[in-house]
């Protein structure tokens, strides 16, 4: 990718942020969530309902199956389909939140068939703003927002920087007291635990960086 954030692989080729790239990203995310489902559930058992890993695994497995069957032809269509599947298959608050993230990001991309990294980052910020509005969370509230916001900001630097920022953001929720969601009812007992939503958000960006690296983006 060039310094301006534009992929240089050509339409449909290596490095292109086309529909195939987004399908590969979400497929990689599904595989990573499958691997990490038990860890996500363990995190959720400490401050939640102990079902985050199972819910995310079920949701992203459904996304993987739907994308393989339908193969949407644009980034917006990929994200819209994935978002709908997450809303319909992931239990609790995570389904609407992750569904909103992907659908709103896709809507912000509009009709672009090959957005560059800067355009994707801008669309992602729109998706994160929609998630924040839906859940009422802001940075420091010990939610997925604590991983999403720094990741989107770091995306202007590189895919790897975004993944690292998400990971650090998730780890940074450990000392925080939850102010939103199920964990907020625990008060000070929520301190000392990583937020499971932030942890799963970090997995999305780990999968994104891996997909971009393999694509030469």
N, C-alpha and C. Protein backbone atom coordinates (compact mmCIF):
# COMPACT_ATOMS: atom_id res chain seq x y z
N UNK A 1 0.85 -1.20 0.00
CA UNK A 1 0.00 0.00 0.00
C UNK A 1 0.87 1.24 0.00
N UNK A 2 0.45 2.25 -0.73
CA UNK A 2 1.22 3.48 -0.78
C UNK A 2 1.07 4.29 0.48
N UNK A 3 1.87 5.34 0.60
CA UNK A 3 1.86 6.18 1.79
C UNK A 3 0.52 6.89 1.99
N UNK A 4 -0.26 7.04 0.93
CA UNK A 4 -1.54 7.74 1.05
C UNK A 4 -2.66 6.81 1.50
N UNK A 5 -2.31 5.55 1.76
CA UNK A 5 -3.32 4.60 2.22
C UNK A 5 -4.05 3.91 1.08
N UNK A 6 -3.65 4.16 -0.16
CA UNK A 6 -4.30 3.54 -1.30
C UNK A 6 -3.64 2.21 -1.62
N UNK A 7 -4.44 1.14 -1.72
CA UNK A 7 -3.91 -0.14 -2.13
C UNK A 7 -3.50 -0.09 -3.59
N UNK A 8 -2.47 -0.82 -3.94
CA UNK A 8 -1.89 -0.72 -5.27
C UNK A 8 -2.01 -2.00 -6.07
N UNK A 9 -2.86 -2.92 -5.63
CA UNK A 9 -2.92 -4.20 -6.31
C UNK A 9 -3.77 -4.21 -7.56
N UNK A 10 -4.56 -3.18 -7.81
CA UNK A 10 -5.42 -3.18 -8.99
C UNK A 10 -6.74 -3.83 -8.68
N UNK A 11 -7.73 -3.56 -9.48
CA UNK A 11 -9.08 -4.07 -9.24
C UNK A 11 -9.08 -5.58 -9.20
N UNK A 12 -9.55 -6.11 -8.07
CA UNK A 12 -9.67 -7.54 -7.92
C UNK A 12 -8.36 -8.25 -7.63
N UNK A 13 -7.26 -7.53 -7.56
CA UNK A 13 -5.97 -8.16 -7.38
C UNK A 13 -5.47 -8.07 -5.96
N UNK A 14 -4.22 -8.49 -5.77
CA UNK A 14 -3.60 -8.45 -4.46
C UNK A 14 -3.60 -7.03 -3.91
N UNK A 15 -3.99 -6.87 -2.68
CA UNK A 15 -3.96 -5.57 -2.05
C UNK A 15 -5.23 -4.77 -2.18
N UNK A 16 -6.22 -5.28 -2.91
CA UNK A 16 -7.44 -4.55 -3.15
C UNK A 16 -8.45 -4.76 -2.02
N UNK A 17 -9.02 -3.65 -1.54
CA UNK A 17 -10.06 -3.75 -0.51
C UNK A 17 -11.43 -3.89 -1.18
N UNK A 18 -11.59 -4.98 -1.88
CA UNK A 18 -12.84 -5.23 -2.57
C UNK A 18 -13.72 -6.15 -1.73
N UNK A 19 -14.82 -6.60 -2.30
CA UNK A 19 -15.73 -7.47 -1.56
C UNK A 19 -15.04 -8.74 -1.09
N UNK A 20 -14.17 -9.29 -1.92
CA UNK A 20 -13.46 -10.52 -1.56
C UNK A 20 -12.59 -10.30 -0.33
N UNK A 21 -11.95 -9.14 -0.26
CA UNK A 21 -11.14 -8.82 0.92
C UNK A 21 -11.99 -8.84 2.18
N UNK A 22 -13.16 -8.20 2.14
CA UNK A 22 -14.02 -8.15 3.33
C UNK A 22 -14.57 -9.53 3.69
N UNK A 23 -14.84 -10.35 2.68
CA UNK A 23 -15.28 -11.72 2.97
C UNK A 23 -14.16 -12.50 3.65
N UNK A 24 -12.93 -12.33 3.16
CA UNK A 24 -11.80 -13.03 3.77
C UNK A 24 -11.58 -12.54 5.20
N UNK A 25 -11.74 -11.23 5.42
CA UNK A 25 -11.57 -10.69 6.77
C UNK A 25 -12.56 -11.34 7.74
N UNK A 26 -13.82 -11.37 7.38
CA UNK A 26 -14.83 -11.91 8.29
C UNK A 26 -14.69 -13.42 8.44
N UNK A 27 -14.21 -14.10 7.41
CA UNK A 27 -13.94 -15.52 7.53
C UNK A 27 -12.80 -15.75 8.52
N UNK A 28 -11.76 -14.92 8.43
CA UNK A 28 -10.64 -15.03 9.37
C UNK A 28 -11.08 -14.69 10.79
N UNK A 29 -11.96 -13.70 10.93
CA UNK A 29 -12.48 -13.35 12.24
C UNK A 29 -13.26 -14.51 12.84
N UNK A 30 -14.06 -15.18 12.01
CA UNK A 30 -14.83 -16.33 12.50
C UNK A 30 -13.90 -17.44 12.99
N UNK A 31 -12.83 -17.68 12.25
CA UNK A 31 -11.88 -18.72 12.64
C UNK A 31 -11.18 -18.36 13.95
N UNK A 32 -10.80 -17.09 14.10
CA UNK A 32 -10.12 -16.67 15.31
C UNK A 32 -11.05 -16.70 16.52
N UNK A 33 -12.29 -16.28 16.32
CA UNK A 33 -13.25 -16.32 17.42
C UNK A 33 -13.53 -17.77 17.83
N UNK A 34 -13.55 -18.68 16.86
CA UNK A 34 -13.71 -20.09 17.17
C UNK A 34 -12.57 -20.56 18.08
N UNK A 35 -11.35 -20.15 17.76
CA UNK A 35 -10.18 -20.53 18.55
C UNK A 35 -10.22 -19.94 19.95
N UNK A 36 -10.73 -18.71 20.06
CA UNK A 36 -10.67 -17.98 21.31
C UNK A 36 -11.99 -17.99 22.09
N UNK A 37 -12.96 -18.78 21.65
CA UNK A 37 -14.29 -18.75 22.27
C UNK A 37 -14.24 -19.09 23.76
N UNK A 38 -13.46 -20.05 24.13
CA UNK A 38 -13.40 -20.44 25.55
C UNK A 38 -12.81 -19.31 26.39
N UNK A 39 -11.81 -18.62 25.86
CA UNK A 39 -11.23 -17.50 26.61
C UNK A 39 -12.25 -16.37 26.76
N UNK A 40 -13.00 -16.10 25.71
CA UNK A 40 -14.02 -15.06 25.80
C UNK A 40 -15.09 -15.42 26.83
N UNK A 41 -15.45 -16.69 26.87
CA UNK A 41 -16.45 -17.13 27.85
C UNK A 41 -15.88 -17.05 29.27
N UNK A 42 -14.61 -17.37 29.42
CA UNK A 42 -13.99 -17.27 30.74
C UNK A 42 -13.97 -15.83 31.22
N UNK A 43 -13.67 -14.90 30.32
CA UNK A 43 -13.70 -13.48 30.69
C UNK A 43 -15.11 -13.07 31.09
N UNK A 44 -16.09 -13.55 30.33
CA UNK A 44 -17.48 -13.17 30.59
C UNK A 44 -18.02 -13.82 31.86
N UNK A 45 -17.46 -14.96 32.23
CA UNK A 45 -17.94 -15.63 33.44
C UNK A 45 -17.61 -14.82 34.69
N UNK A 46 -16.57 -13.99 34.60
CA UNK A 46 -16.16 -13.20 35.76
C UNK A 46 -17.05 -11.98 35.98
N UNK A 47 -17.55 -11.38 34.88
CA UNK A 47 -18.30 -10.13 35.04
C UNK A 47 -19.57 -10.08 34.20
N UNK A 48 -19.94 -11.21 33.62
CA UNK A 48 -21.13 -11.22 32.76
C UNK A 48 -21.94 -12.49 32.93
N UNK A 49 -22.49 -12.97 31.81
CA UNK A 49 -23.37 -14.13 31.84
C UNK A 49 -22.69 -15.42 31.37
N UNK A 50 -21.39 -15.38 31.17
CA UNK A 50 -20.61 -16.56 30.78
C UNK A 50 -21.06 -17.15 29.44
N UNK A 51 -21.51 -16.28 28.53
CA UNK A 51 -21.97 -16.80 27.24
C UNK A 51 -21.39 -16.03 26.04
N UNK A 52 -20.49 -15.10 26.28
CA UNK A 52 -20.01 -14.27 25.19
C UNK A 52 -19.27 -15.09 24.14
N UNK A 53 -18.44 -16.00 24.56
CA UNK A 53 -17.71 -16.82 23.61
C UNK A 53 -18.63 -17.67 22.76
N UNK A 54 -19.58 -18.34 23.40
CA UNK A 54 -20.51 -19.18 22.66
C UNK A 54 -21.37 -18.35 21.71
N UNK A 55 -21.82 -17.19 22.17
CA UNK A 55 -22.65 -16.34 21.33
C UNK A 55 -21.89 -15.83 20.11
N UNK A 56 -20.65 -15.38 20.33
CA UNK A 56 -19.86 -14.86 19.22
C UNK A 56 -19.49 -15.97 18.24
N UNK A 57 -19.18 -17.13 18.77
CA UNK A 57 -18.86 -18.26 17.89
C UNK A 57 -20.07 -18.62 17.02
N UNK A 58 -21.24 -18.68 17.62
CA UNK A 58 -22.44 -18.98 16.85
C UNK A 58 -22.72 -17.93 15.79
N UNK A 59 -22.59 -16.65 16.18
CA UNK A 59 -22.86 -15.58 15.24
C UNK A 59 -21.91 -15.54 14.07
N UNK A 60 -20.61 -15.63 14.34
CA UNK A 60 -19.64 -15.54 13.25
C UNK A 60 -19.60 -16.81 12.41
N UNK A 61 -19.99 -17.92 12.99
CA UNK A 61 -20.13 -19.13 12.18
C UNK A 61 -21.27 -18.95 11.18
N UNK A 62 -22.36 -18.32 11.61
CA UNK A 62 -23.47 -18.03 10.71
C UNK A 62 -23.05 -17.04 9.63
N UNK A 63 -22.25 -16.06 10.01
CA UNK A 63 -21.74 -15.09 9.03
C UNK A 63 -20.90 -15.80 7.97
N UNK A 64 -20.02 -16.67 8.43
CA UNK A 64 -19.14 -17.40 7.52
C UNK A 64 -19.96 -18.22 6.52
N UNK A 65 -20.98 -18.91 7.02
CA UNK A 65 -21.82 -19.74 6.15
C UNK A 65 -22.59 -18.88 5.15
N UNK A 66 -23.12 -17.74 5.60
CA UNK A 66 -23.91 -16.89 4.72
C UNK A 66 -23.05 -16.26 3.63
N UNK A 67 -21.84 -15.83 3.99
CA UNK A 67 -20.97 -15.20 3.00
C UNK A 67 -20.48 -16.22 1.97
N UNK A 68 -20.26 -17.45 2.41
CA UNK A 68 -19.84 -18.50 1.48
C UNK A 68 -20.96 -18.85 0.51
N UNK A 69 -22.18 -18.79 0.99
CA UNK A 69 -23.33 -19.16 0.14
C UNK A 69 -23.71 -18.04 -0.82
N UNK A 70 -23.66 -16.79 -0.36
CA UNK A 70 -24.16 -15.68 -1.16
C UNK A 70 -23.09 -14.90 -1.91
N UNK A 71 -21.88 -14.83 -1.36
CA UNK A 71 -20.78 -14.06 -1.96
C UNK A 71 -21.23 -12.68 -2.43
N UNK A 72 -21.60 -11.79 -1.48
CA UNK A 72 -22.02 -10.43 -1.85
C UNK A 72 -20.95 -9.75 -2.69
N UNK A 73 -21.38 -8.89 -3.62
CA UNK A 73 -20.48 -8.36 -4.63
C UNK A 73 -19.82 -7.04 -4.30
N UNK A 74 -20.16 -6.42 -3.16
CA UNK A 74 -19.53 -5.14 -2.79
C UNK A 74 -19.20 -5.15 -1.31
N UNK A 75 -18.25 -4.33 -0.88
CA UNK A 75 -17.95 -4.25 0.55
C UNK A 75 -19.19 -3.92 1.38
N UNK A 76 -20.00 -2.99 0.91
CA UNK A 76 -21.21 -2.63 1.65
C UNK A 76 -22.13 -3.83 1.79
N UNK A 77 -22.31 -4.60 0.74
CA UNK A 77 -23.19 -5.76 0.79
C UNK A 77 -22.64 -6.83 1.73
N UNK A 78 -21.32 -7.02 1.72
CA UNK A 78 -20.70 -7.99 2.63
C UNK A 78 -20.98 -7.61 4.08
N UNK A 79 -20.74 -6.35 4.42
CA UNK A 79 -20.90 -5.91 5.79
C UNK A 79 -22.37 -5.88 6.20
N UNK A 80 -23.25 -5.54 5.27
CA UNK A 80 -24.67 -5.51 5.58
C UNK A 80 -25.18 -6.92 5.89
N UNK A 81 -24.80 -7.90 5.07
CA UNK A 81 -25.22 -9.27 5.30
C UNK A 81 -24.66 -9.79 6.62
N UNK A 82 -23.38 -9.54 6.86
CA UNK A 82 -22.76 -10.00 8.11
C UNK A 82 -23.44 -9.36 9.31
N UNK A 83 -23.73 -8.07 9.22
CA UNK A 83 -24.39 -7.40 10.33
C UNK A 83 -25.76 -7.97 10.62
N UNK A 84 -26.52 -8.25 9.58
CA UNK A 84 -27.86 -8.84 9.77
C UNK A 84 -27.77 -10.19 10.43
N UNK A 85 -26.82 -11.00 10.02
CA UNK A 85 -26.67 -12.33 10.60
C UNK A 85 -26.27 -12.26 12.08
N UNK A 86 -25.42 -11.31 12.41
CA UNK A 86 -25.02 -11.17 13.81
C UNK A 86 -26.20 -10.74 14.68
N UNK A 87 -27.00 -9.81 14.18
CA UNK A 87 -28.17 -9.37 14.94
C UNK A 87 -29.13 -10.53 15.18
N UNK A 88 -29.27 -11.40 14.19
CA UNK A 88 -30.26 -12.48 14.29
C UNK A 88 -29.76 -13.72 15.02
N UNK A 89 -28.44 -13.85 15.19
CA UNK A 89 -27.92 -15.09 15.77
C UNK A 89 -27.14 -14.94 17.07
N UNK A 90 -26.64 -13.73 17.35
CA UNK A 90 -25.85 -13.53 18.58
C UNK A 90 -26.77 -13.08 19.70
N UNK A 91 -26.73 -13.78 20.81
CA UNK A 91 -27.59 -13.43 21.93
C UNK A 91 -27.10 -12.21 22.70
N UNK A 92 -27.96 -11.70 23.56
CA UNK A 92 -27.59 -10.58 24.42
C UNK A 92 -27.41 -9.29 23.65
N UNK A 93 -26.62 -8.39 24.23
CA UNK A 93 -26.40 -7.08 23.61
C UNK A 93 -25.39 -7.14 22.47
N UNK A 94 -24.57 -8.17 22.43
CA UNK A 94 -23.48 -8.22 21.46
C UNK A 94 -23.98 -8.26 20.02
N UNK A 95 -25.07 -8.96 19.76
CA UNK A 95 -25.59 -9.06 18.41
C UNK A 95 -25.94 -7.69 17.83
N UNK A 96 -26.80 -6.91 18.49
CA UNK A 96 -27.12 -5.58 17.98
C UNK A 96 -25.90 -4.66 17.88
N UNK A 97 -24.98 -4.77 18.83
CA UNK A 97 -23.81 -3.89 18.81
C UNK A 97 -22.87 -4.22 17.65
N UNK A 98 -22.52 -5.49 17.50
CA UNK A 98 -21.64 -5.87 16.40
C UNK A 98 -22.35 -5.73 15.07
N UNK A 99 -23.64 -6.04 15.05
CA UNK A 99 -24.41 -5.87 13.82
C UNK A 99 -24.44 -4.42 13.39
N UNK A 100 -24.64 -3.52 14.35
CA UNK A 100 -24.63 -2.10 14.06
C UNK A 100 -23.27 -1.65 13.56
N UNK A 101 -22.21 -2.14 14.17
CA UNK A 101 -20.85 -1.76 13.75
C UNK A 101 -20.63 -2.08 12.28
N UNK A 102 -20.96 -3.30 11.87
CA UNK A 102 -20.69 -3.70 10.50
C UNK A 102 -21.65 -3.04 9.51
N UNK A 103 -22.92 -2.99 9.86
CA UNK A 103 -23.89 -2.41 8.93
C UNK A 103 -23.66 -0.91 8.72
N UNK A 104 -23.37 -0.20 9.80
CA UNK A 104 -23.15 1.24 9.67
C UNK A 104 -21.84 1.53 8.94
N UNK A 105 -20.83 0.71 9.17
CA UNK A 105 -19.58 0.86 8.43
C UNK A 105 -19.83 0.64 6.94
N UNK A 106 -20.59 -0.38 6.63
CA UNK A 106 -20.92 -0.65 5.24
C UNK A 106 -21.70 0.49 4.61
N UNK A 107 -22.66 1.02 5.35
CA UNK A 107 -23.45 2.13 4.83
C UNK A 107 -22.57 3.34 4.55
N UNK A 108 -21.60 3.59 5.43
CA UNK A 108 -20.70 4.72 5.24
C UNK A 108 -19.79 4.52 4.03
N UNK A 109 -19.47 3.28 3.71
CA UNK A 109 -18.66 3.02 2.51
C UNK A 109 -19.46 3.29 1.24
N UNK A 110 -20.77 3.14 1.35
CA UNK A 110 -21.63 3.43 0.20
C UNK A 110 -21.36 2.52 -0.98
N UNK A 111 -21.30 3.11 -2.16
CA UNK A 111 -21.15 2.33 -3.39
C UNK A 111 -19.70 2.05 -3.77
N UNK A 112 -18.77 2.42 -2.90
CA UNK A 112 -17.36 2.18 -3.22
C UNK A 112 -17.11 0.68 -3.38
N UNK A 113 -16.49 0.29 -4.46
CA UNK A 113 -16.19 -1.12 -4.67
C UNK A 113 -14.76 -1.46 -4.28
N UNK A 114 -13.92 -0.43 -4.11
CA UNK A 114 -12.51 -0.64 -3.78
C UNK A 114 -12.00 0.52 -2.92
N UNK A 115 -12.53 0.65 -1.69
CA UNK A 115 -12.10 1.76 -0.84
C UNK A 115 -10.64 1.62 -0.44
N UNK A 116 -9.99 2.75 -0.18
CA UNK A 116 -8.64 2.67 0.35
C UNK A 116 -8.71 2.61 1.87
N UNK A 117 -7.55 2.47 2.49
CA UNK A 117 -7.52 2.31 3.94
C UNK A 117 -8.08 3.52 4.67
N UNK A 118 -7.81 4.70 4.16
CA UNK A 118 -8.32 5.93 4.78
C UNK A 118 -9.84 5.98 4.70
N UNK A 119 -10.39 5.59 3.56
CA UNK A 119 -11.84 5.57 3.41
C UNK A 119 -12.48 4.53 4.32
N UNK A 120 -11.85 3.39 4.43
CA UNK A 120 -12.35 2.36 5.33
C UNK A 120 -12.29 2.83 6.78
N UNK A 121 -11.20 3.50 7.15
CA UNK A 121 -11.07 4.00 8.52
C UNK A 121 -12.16 5.01 8.84
N UNK A 122 -12.47 5.88 7.90
CA UNK A 122 -13.53 6.87 8.10
C UNK A 122 -14.88 6.19 8.26
N UNK A 123 -15.14 5.17 7.43
CA UNK A 123 -16.39 4.43 7.53
C UNK A 123 -16.48 3.69 8.86
N UNK A 124 -15.36 3.13 9.28
CA UNK A 124 -15.33 2.42 10.55
C UNK A 124 -15.62 3.35 11.72
N UNK A 125 -15.10 4.55 11.66
CA UNK A 125 -15.40 5.52 12.72
C UNK A 125 -16.89 5.82 12.79
N UNK A 126 -17.54 5.86 11.63
CA UNK A 126 -18.99 6.07 11.61
C UNK A 126 -19.69 4.89 12.26
N UNK A 127 -19.19 3.69 12.01
CA UNK A 127 -19.76 2.51 12.63
C UNK A 127 -19.60 2.51 14.14
N UNK A 128 -18.44 2.94 14.60
CA UNK A 128 -18.17 3.00 16.04
C UNK A 128 -19.04 4.05 16.70
N UNK A 129 -19.23 5.18 16.03
CA UNK A 129 -20.12 6.21 16.58
C UNK A 129 -21.54 5.69 16.74
N UNK A 130 -21.98 4.87 15.79
CA UNK A 130 -23.32 4.28 15.88
C UNK A 130 -23.42 3.30 17.04
N UNK A 131 -22.36 2.53 17.26
CA UNK A 131 -22.33 1.60 18.39
C UNK A 131 -22.38 2.37 19.70
N UNK A 132 -21.60 3.44 19.79
CA UNK A 132 -21.59 4.26 21.00
C UNK A 132 -22.96 4.86 21.27
N UNK A 133 -23.62 5.32 20.21
CA UNK A 133 -24.95 5.90 20.38
C UNK A 133 -25.96 4.85 20.81
N UNK A 134 -25.85 3.65 20.26
CA UNK A 134 -26.78 2.58 20.60
C UNK A 134 -26.64 2.14 22.04
N UNK A 135 -25.39 1.91 22.47
CA UNK A 135 -25.16 1.41 23.82
C UNK A 135 -24.92 2.49 24.86
N UNK A 136 -24.71 3.72 24.42
CA UNK A 136 -24.45 4.82 25.34
C UNK A 136 -23.08 4.78 25.97
N UNK A 137 -22.17 4.01 25.41
CA UNK A 137 -20.84 3.86 26.00
C UNK A 137 -19.85 4.82 25.35
N UNK A 138 -18.85 5.18 26.14
CA UNK A 138 -17.74 6.01 25.66
C UNK A 138 -16.44 5.40 26.18
N UNK A 139 -15.30 5.83 25.66
CA UNK A 139 -14.02 5.30 26.16
C UNK A 139 -13.92 5.45 27.67
N UNK A 140 -13.45 4.40 28.31
CA UNK A 140 -13.31 4.40 29.77
C UNK A 140 -14.46 3.75 30.49
N UNK A 141 -15.51 3.35 29.75
CA UNK A 141 -16.67 2.71 30.38
C UNK A 141 -16.52 1.20 30.50
N UNK A 142 -15.40 0.65 30.05
CA UNK A 142 -15.12 -0.78 30.11
C UNK A 142 -16.07 -1.55 29.19
N UNK A 143 -16.01 -1.23 27.91
CA UNK A 143 -16.82 -1.91 26.90
C UNK A 143 -15.98 -2.11 25.64
N UNK A 144 -16.60 -2.64 24.61
CA UNK A 144 -15.92 -2.83 23.34
C UNK A 144 -15.42 -1.52 22.76
N UNK A 145 -16.02 -0.41 23.14
CA UNK A 145 -15.59 0.91 22.66
C UNK A 145 -14.13 1.16 23.03
N UNK A 146 -13.68 0.63 24.15
CA UNK A 146 -12.30 0.85 24.58
C UNK A 146 -11.28 0.19 23.66
N UNK A 147 -11.70 -0.79 22.90
CA UNK A 147 -10.83 -1.40 21.89
C UNK A 147 -11.06 -0.79 20.53
N UNK A 148 -12.32 -0.48 20.21
CA UNK A 148 -12.66 0.01 18.88
C UNK A 148 -12.10 1.40 18.59
N UNK A 149 -12.24 2.31 19.52
CA UNK A 149 -11.83 3.70 19.27
C UNK A 149 -10.33 3.82 18.99
N UNK A 150 -9.45 3.28 19.84
CA UNK A 150 -8.02 3.41 19.53
C UNK A 150 -7.63 2.66 18.26
N UNK A 151 -8.31 1.57 17.98
CA UNK A 151 -7.99 0.82 16.75
C UNK A 151 -8.30 1.65 15.52
N UNK A 152 -9.45 2.29 15.51
CA UNK A 152 -9.82 3.13 14.37
C UNK A 152 -8.87 4.29 14.20
N UNK A 153 -8.44 4.87 15.32
CA UNK A 153 -7.49 5.98 15.24
C UNK A 153 -6.14 5.53 14.69
N UNK A 154 -5.71 4.33 15.10
CA UNK A 154 -4.41 3.83 14.67
C UNK A 154 -4.42 3.30 13.24
N UNK A 155 -5.60 3.09 12.69
CA UNK A 155 -5.70 2.56 11.34
C UNK A 155 -5.08 3.50 10.31
N UNK A 156 -5.01 4.78 10.65
CA UNK A 156 -4.37 5.73 9.73
C UNK A 156 -2.87 5.47 9.61
N UNK A 157 -2.31 4.77 10.60
CA UNK A 157 -0.89 4.43 10.57
C UNK A 157 -0.64 3.13 9.82
N UNK A 158 -1.32 2.08 10.24
CA UNK A 158 -1.18 0.79 9.56
C UNK A 158 -2.20 -0.20 10.10
N UNK A 159 -2.38 -1.29 9.39
CA UNK A 159 -3.26 -2.36 9.85
C UNK A 159 -2.72 -2.96 11.15
N UNK A 160 -1.42 -3.17 11.20
CA UNK A 160 -0.80 -3.76 12.39
C UNK A 160 -0.96 -2.84 13.59
N UNK A 161 -0.80 -1.54 13.38
CA UNK A 161 -0.96 -0.59 14.47
C UNK A 161 -2.38 -0.62 15.01
N UNK A 162 -3.35 -0.78 14.13
CA UNK A 162 -4.75 -0.85 14.56
C UNK A 162 -4.99 -2.09 15.42
N UNK A 163 -4.44 -3.23 14.99
CA UNK A 163 -4.61 -4.46 15.76
C UNK A 163 -3.96 -4.34 17.13
N UNK A 164 -2.78 -3.74 17.18
CA UNK A 164 -2.08 -3.57 18.45
C UNK A 164 -2.83 -2.61 19.35
N UNK A 165 -3.37 -1.54 18.78
CA UNK A 165 -4.12 -0.58 19.58
C UNK A 165 -5.38 -1.21 20.16
N UNK A 166 -6.03 -2.06 19.39
CA UNK A 166 -7.22 -2.76 19.89
C UNK A 166 -6.85 -3.70 21.03
N UNK A 167 -5.74 -4.42 20.84
CA UNK A 167 -5.30 -5.35 21.89
C UNK A 167 -4.96 -4.60 23.17
N UNK A 168 -4.24 -3.49 23.03
CA UNK A 168 -3.88 -2.70 24.20
C UNK A 168 -5.13 -2.06 24.84
N UNK A 169 -6.07 -1.66 24.00
CA UNK A 169 -7.30 -1.09 24.53
C UNK A 169 -8.08 -2.10 25.34
N UNK A 170 -8.14 -3.33 24.85
CA UNK A 170 -8.84 -4.39 25.59
C UNK A 170 -8.13 -4.67 26.91
N UNK A 171 -6.80 -4.78 26.86
CA UNK A 171 -6.05 -5.03 28.09
C UNK A 171 -6.22 -3.88 29.08
N UNK A 172 -6.39 -2.67 28.54
CA UNK A 172 -6.55 -1.50 29.39
C UNK A 172 -7.87 -1.46 30.15
N UNK A 173 -8.80 -2.35 29.80
CA UNK A 173 -10.07 -2.37 30.54
C UNK A 173 -9.95 -3.09 31.87
N UNK A 174 -8.86 -3.82 32.08
CA UNK A 174 -8.73 -4.62 33.30
C UNK A 174 -8.92 -3.80 34.58
N UNK A 175 -8.24 -2.67 34.76
CA UNK A 175 -8.40 -1.94 36.03
C UNK A 175 -9.67 -1.09 36.10
N UNK A 176 -10.39 -0.96 35.00
CA UNK A 176 -11.54 -0.06 34.97
C UNK A 176 -12.75 -0.63 35.71
N UNK A 177 -13.59 0.27 36.18
CA UNK A 177 -14.89 -0.13 36.73
C UNK A 177 -15.94 0.03 35.63
N UNK A 178 -16.71 -1.01 35.39
CA UNK A 178 -17.70 -0.99 34.32
C UNK A 178 -18.80 0.03 34.62
N UNK A 179 -19.13 0.82 33.60
CA UNK A 179 -20.20 1.81 33.73
C UNK A 179 -21.38 1.51 32.82
N UNK A 180 -21.22 0.52 31.95
CA UNK A 180 -22.29 0.15 31.05
C UNK A 180 -22.39 -1.37 30.98
N UNK A 181 -23.57 -1.87 30.61
CA UNK A 181 -23.74 -3.30 30.41
C UNK A 181 -23.93 -4.07 31.70
N UNK A 182 -23.99 -5.37 31.53
CA UNK A 182 -24.21 -6.29 32.65
C UNK A 182 -23.17 -6.11 33.75
N UNK A 183 -21.94 -5.89 33.37
CA UNK A 183 -20.86 -5.77 34.35
C UNK A 183 -21.01 -4.56 35.25
N UNK A 184 -21.74 -3.54 34.79
CA UNK A 184 -21.87 -2.32 35.60
C UNK A 184 -22.61 -2.57 36.91
N UNK A 185 -23.41 -3.62 36.95
CA UNK A 185 -24.14 -3.94 38.17
C UNK A 185 -23.23 -4.45 39.28
N UNK A 186 -22.01 -4.83 38.89
CA UNK A 186 -21.07 -5.38 39.87
C UNK A 186 -20.30 -4.30 40.61
N UNK A 187 -20.35 -3.07 40.12
CA UNK A 187 -19.63 -1.99 40.78
C UNK A 187 -18.14 -2.26 40.82
N UNK A 188 -17.54 -2.12 41.99
CA UNK A 188 -16.09 -2.28 42.11
C UNK A 188 -15.64 -3.71 41.85
N UNK A 189 -16.54 -4.66 41.93
CA UNK A 189 -16.17 -6.05 41.65
C UNK A 189 -15.88 -6.29 40.18
N UNK A 190 -16.25 -5.33 39.31
CA UNK A 190 -15.91 -5.47 37.90
C UNK A 190 -14.45 -5.09 37.63
N UNK A 191 -13.81 -4.47 38.57
CA UNK A 191 -12.41 -4.09 38.41
C UNK A 191 -11.52 -5.33 38.47
N UNK A 192 -10.44 -5.31 37.71
CA UNK A 192 -9.50 -6.43 37.71
C UNK A 192 -9.79 -7.49 36.68
N UNK A 193 -10.76 -7.23 35.80
CA UNK A 193 -11.13 -8.20 34.77
C UNK A 193 -11.18 -7.52 33.40
N UNK A 194 -10.67 -8.21 32.39
CA UNK A 194 -10.75 -7.68 31.03
C UNK A 194 -12.17 -7.79 30.51
N UNK A 195 -12.63 -6.74 29.85
CA UNK A 195 -13.97 -6.76 29.31
C UNK A 195 -14.05 -7.73 28.13
N UNK A 196 -14.99 -8.67 28.13
CA UNK A 196 -15.06 -9.64 27.04
C UNK A 196 -15.41 -9.02 25.69
N UNK A 197 -16.25 -7.97 25.70
CA UNK A 197 -16.58 -7.31 24.44
C UNK A 197 -15.37 -6.63 23.83
N UNK A 198 -14.56 -6.01 24.66
CA UNK A 198 -13.32 -5.40 24.15
C UNK A 198 -12.37 -6.47 23.63
N UNK A 199 -12.35 -7.61 24.31
CA UNK A 199 -11.48 -8.71 23.88
C UNK A 199 -11.90 -9.24 22.52
N UNK A 200 -13.20 -9.40 22.30
CA UNK A 200 -13.66 -9.89 21.00
C UNK A 200 -13.46 -8.85 19.91
N UNK A 201 -13.61 -7.57 20.25
CA UNK A 201 -13.34 -6.51 19.28
C UNK A 201 -11.88 -6.55 18.84
N UNK A 202 -10.99 -6.81 19.78
CA UNK A 202 -9.57 -6.91 19.44
C UNK A 202 -9.31 -8.07 18.49
N UNK A 203 -10.08 -9.13 18.61
CA UNK A 203 -9.92 -10.27 17.69
C UNK A 203 -10.30 -9.87 16.26
N UNK A 204 -11.31 -9.03 16.12
CA UNK A 204 -11.69 -8.56 14.78
C UNK A 204 -10.53 -7.83 14.11
N UNK A 205 -9.84 -7.02 14.88
CA UNK A 205 -8.73 -6.26 14.30
C UNK A 205 -7.50 -7.12 14.10
N UNK A 206 -7.31 -8.13 14.92
CA UNK A 206 -6.22 -9.08 14.68
C UNK A 206 -6.45 -9.80 13.36
N UNK A 207 -7.70 -10.21 13.13
CA UNK A 207 -8.04 -10.88 11.87
C UNK A 207 -7.90 -9.93 10.69
N UNK A 208 -8.26 -8.66 10.89
CA UNK A 208 -8.14 -7.66 9.83
C UNK A 208 -6.68 -7.45 9.43
N UNK A 209 -5.81 -7.32 10.42
CA UNK A 209 -4.39 -7.12 10.13
C UNK A 209 -3.80 -8.33 9.42
N UNK A 210 -4.20 -9.52 9.84
CA UNK A 210 -3.71 -10.74 9.21
C UNK A 210 -4.18 -10.82 7.76
N UNK A 211 -5.45 -10.51 7.54
CA UNK A 211 -6.00 -10.54 6.18
C UNK A 211 -5.30 -9.52 5.28
N UNK A 212 -5.09 -8.31 5.81
CA UNK A 212 -4.42 -7.28 5.02
C UNK A 212 -2.98 -7.67 4.71
N UNK A 213 -2.32 -8.28 5.68
CA UNK A 213 -0.94 -8.71 5.46
C UNK A 213 -0.84 -9.75 4.37
N UNK A 214 -1.76 -10.70 4.38
CA UNK A 214 -1.72 -11.75 3.35
C UNK A 214 -2.10 -11.22 1.99
N UNK A 215 -2.91 -10.14 1.97
CA UNK A 215 -3.32 -9.54 0.71
C UNK A 215 -2.30 -8.55 0.15
N UNK A 216 -1.30 -8.23 0.97
CA UNK A 216 -0.35 -7.21 0.56
C UNK A 216 -0.93 -5.82 0.59
N UNK A 217 -1.94 -5.63 1.45
CA UNK A 217 -2.62 -4.33 1.51
C UNK A 217 -1.87 -3.35 2.39
